[in-house]
Amino acid sequence: MNITIEFVAPLNGLAGANRTSVALPEGGTLANLVGALREQFPNLFPLAETAIFMVDKSLAHRETVLRDGDRVLMMQILGGG
């Protein structure tokens, strides 16, 4: 199955891209996707370990099962004062 990932700043700068697609086996989870991204974009890590993921506009967790054609938004929540 094919998953589209969109990176939100600052992750897009680390990835060197605003979006990419990853092929996962059927029944793959968000955790599987993160593993694939670790291999494809090592510069994202370790910062991406604390990233927030949205799958088709809904908050997702590492155990979320992905479906072919899903769009995943990967963002880092930054705080400050």
Protein backbone atom coordinates (compact mmCIF):
# COMPACT_ATOMS: atom_id res chain seq x y z
CA MET A 1 0.00 0.00 0.00
CA ASN A 2 1.13 3.54 -0.68
CA ILE A 3 1.11 6.20 2.08
CA THR A 4 1.75 9.93 1.49
CA ILE A 5 3.59 11.78 4.25
CA GLU A 6 3.66 15.57 4.53
CA PHE A 7 6.32 17.13 6.76
CA VAL A 8 5.59 20.35 8.66
CA ALA A 9 8.46 22.69 9.68
CA PRO A 10 10.97 22.09 11.12
CA LEU A 11 10.73 18.45 10.00
CA ASN A 12 10.56 19.37 6.32
CA GLY A 13 13.92 21.10 6.63
CA LEU A 14 15.48 18.03 8.21
CA ALA A 15 13.93 15.74 5.61
CA GLY A 16 14.87 18.05 2.75
CA ALA A 17 11.35 17.63 1.35
CA ASN A 18 7.80 18.77 2.06
CA ARG A 19 6.31 15.38 1.25
CA THR A 20 7.15 11.85 0.25
CA SER A 21 5.42 8.53 -0.20
CA VAL A 22 6.25 5.21 1.42
CA ALA A 23 5.17 1.72 0.43
CA LEU A 24 4.10 -0.45 3.36
CA PRO A 25 2.67 -3.96 3.46
CA GLU A 26 -1.09 -4.32 4.00
CA GLY A 27 -1.96 -3.95 7.67
CA GLY A 28 1.04 -1.70 8.31
CA THR A 29 0.85 0.65 11.27
CA LEU A 30 2.05 4.14 11.98
CA ALA A 31 4.93 2.54 13.90
CA ASN A 32 5.92 0.67 10.70
CA LEU A 33 5.79 3.96 8.82
CA VAL A 34 8.04 5.65 11.38
CA GLY A 35 10.52 2.79 10.97
CA ALA A 36 10.52 3.26 7.20
CA LEU A 37 11.00 7.01 7.60
CA ARG A 38 13.93 6.39 9.96
CA GLU A 39 15.67 4.46 7.17
CA GLN A 40 14.77 6.91 4.39
CA PHE A 41 15.33 10.15 6.36
CA PRO A 42 17.84 9.52 9.18
CA ASN A 43 18.27 13.29 9.72
CA LEU A 44 14.71 13.41 11.09
CA PHE A 45 15.72 11.42 14.14
CA PRO A 46 15.81 11.69 17.12
CA LEU A 47 13.61 14.83 16.80
CA ALA A 48 10.88 12.85 15.01
CA GLU A 49 10.52 10.49 17.97
CA THR A 50 8.26 13.09 19.58
CA ALA A 51 6.37 14.06 16.42
CA ILE A 52 2.60 14.26 16.28
CA PHE A 53 0.83 12.43 13.43
CA MET A 54 -2.50 13.11 11.80
CA VAL A 55 -3.96 10.50 9.45
CA ASP A 56 -6.61 11.92 7.14
CA LYS A 57 -7.21 14.83 9.57
CA SER A 58 -7.48 12.65 12.72
CA LEU A 59 -4.87 12.34 15.47
CA ALA A 60 -3.10 8.99 15.15
CA HIS A 61 -1.05 6.81 17.48
CA ARG A 62 1.77 4.37 16.79
CA GLU A 63 -0.65 1.42 16.75
CA THR A 64 -2.97 3.05 14.18
CA VAL A 65 -3.41 0.74 11.18
CA LEU A 66 -2.90 2.57 7.91
CA ARG A 67 -4.80 2.03 4.65
CA ASP A 68 -3.73 2.39 1.07
CA GLY A 69 -3.92 6.03 0.02
CA ASP A 70 -3.81 7.48 3.55
CA ARG A 71 -2.29 10.95 3.93
CA VAL A 72 -0.17 11.37 7.03
CA LEU A 73 0.78 14.79 8.37
CA MET A 74 3.93 14.70 10.52
CA MET A 75 4.55 17.71 12.75
CA GLN A 76 6.63 18.70 15.72
CA ILE A 77 4.91 20.68 18.44
CA LEU A 78 7.22 23.41 19.66
CA GLY A 79 6.71 25.39 22.81
CA GLY A 80 8.16 28.55 24.11
CA GLY A 81 7.54 31.44 26.29
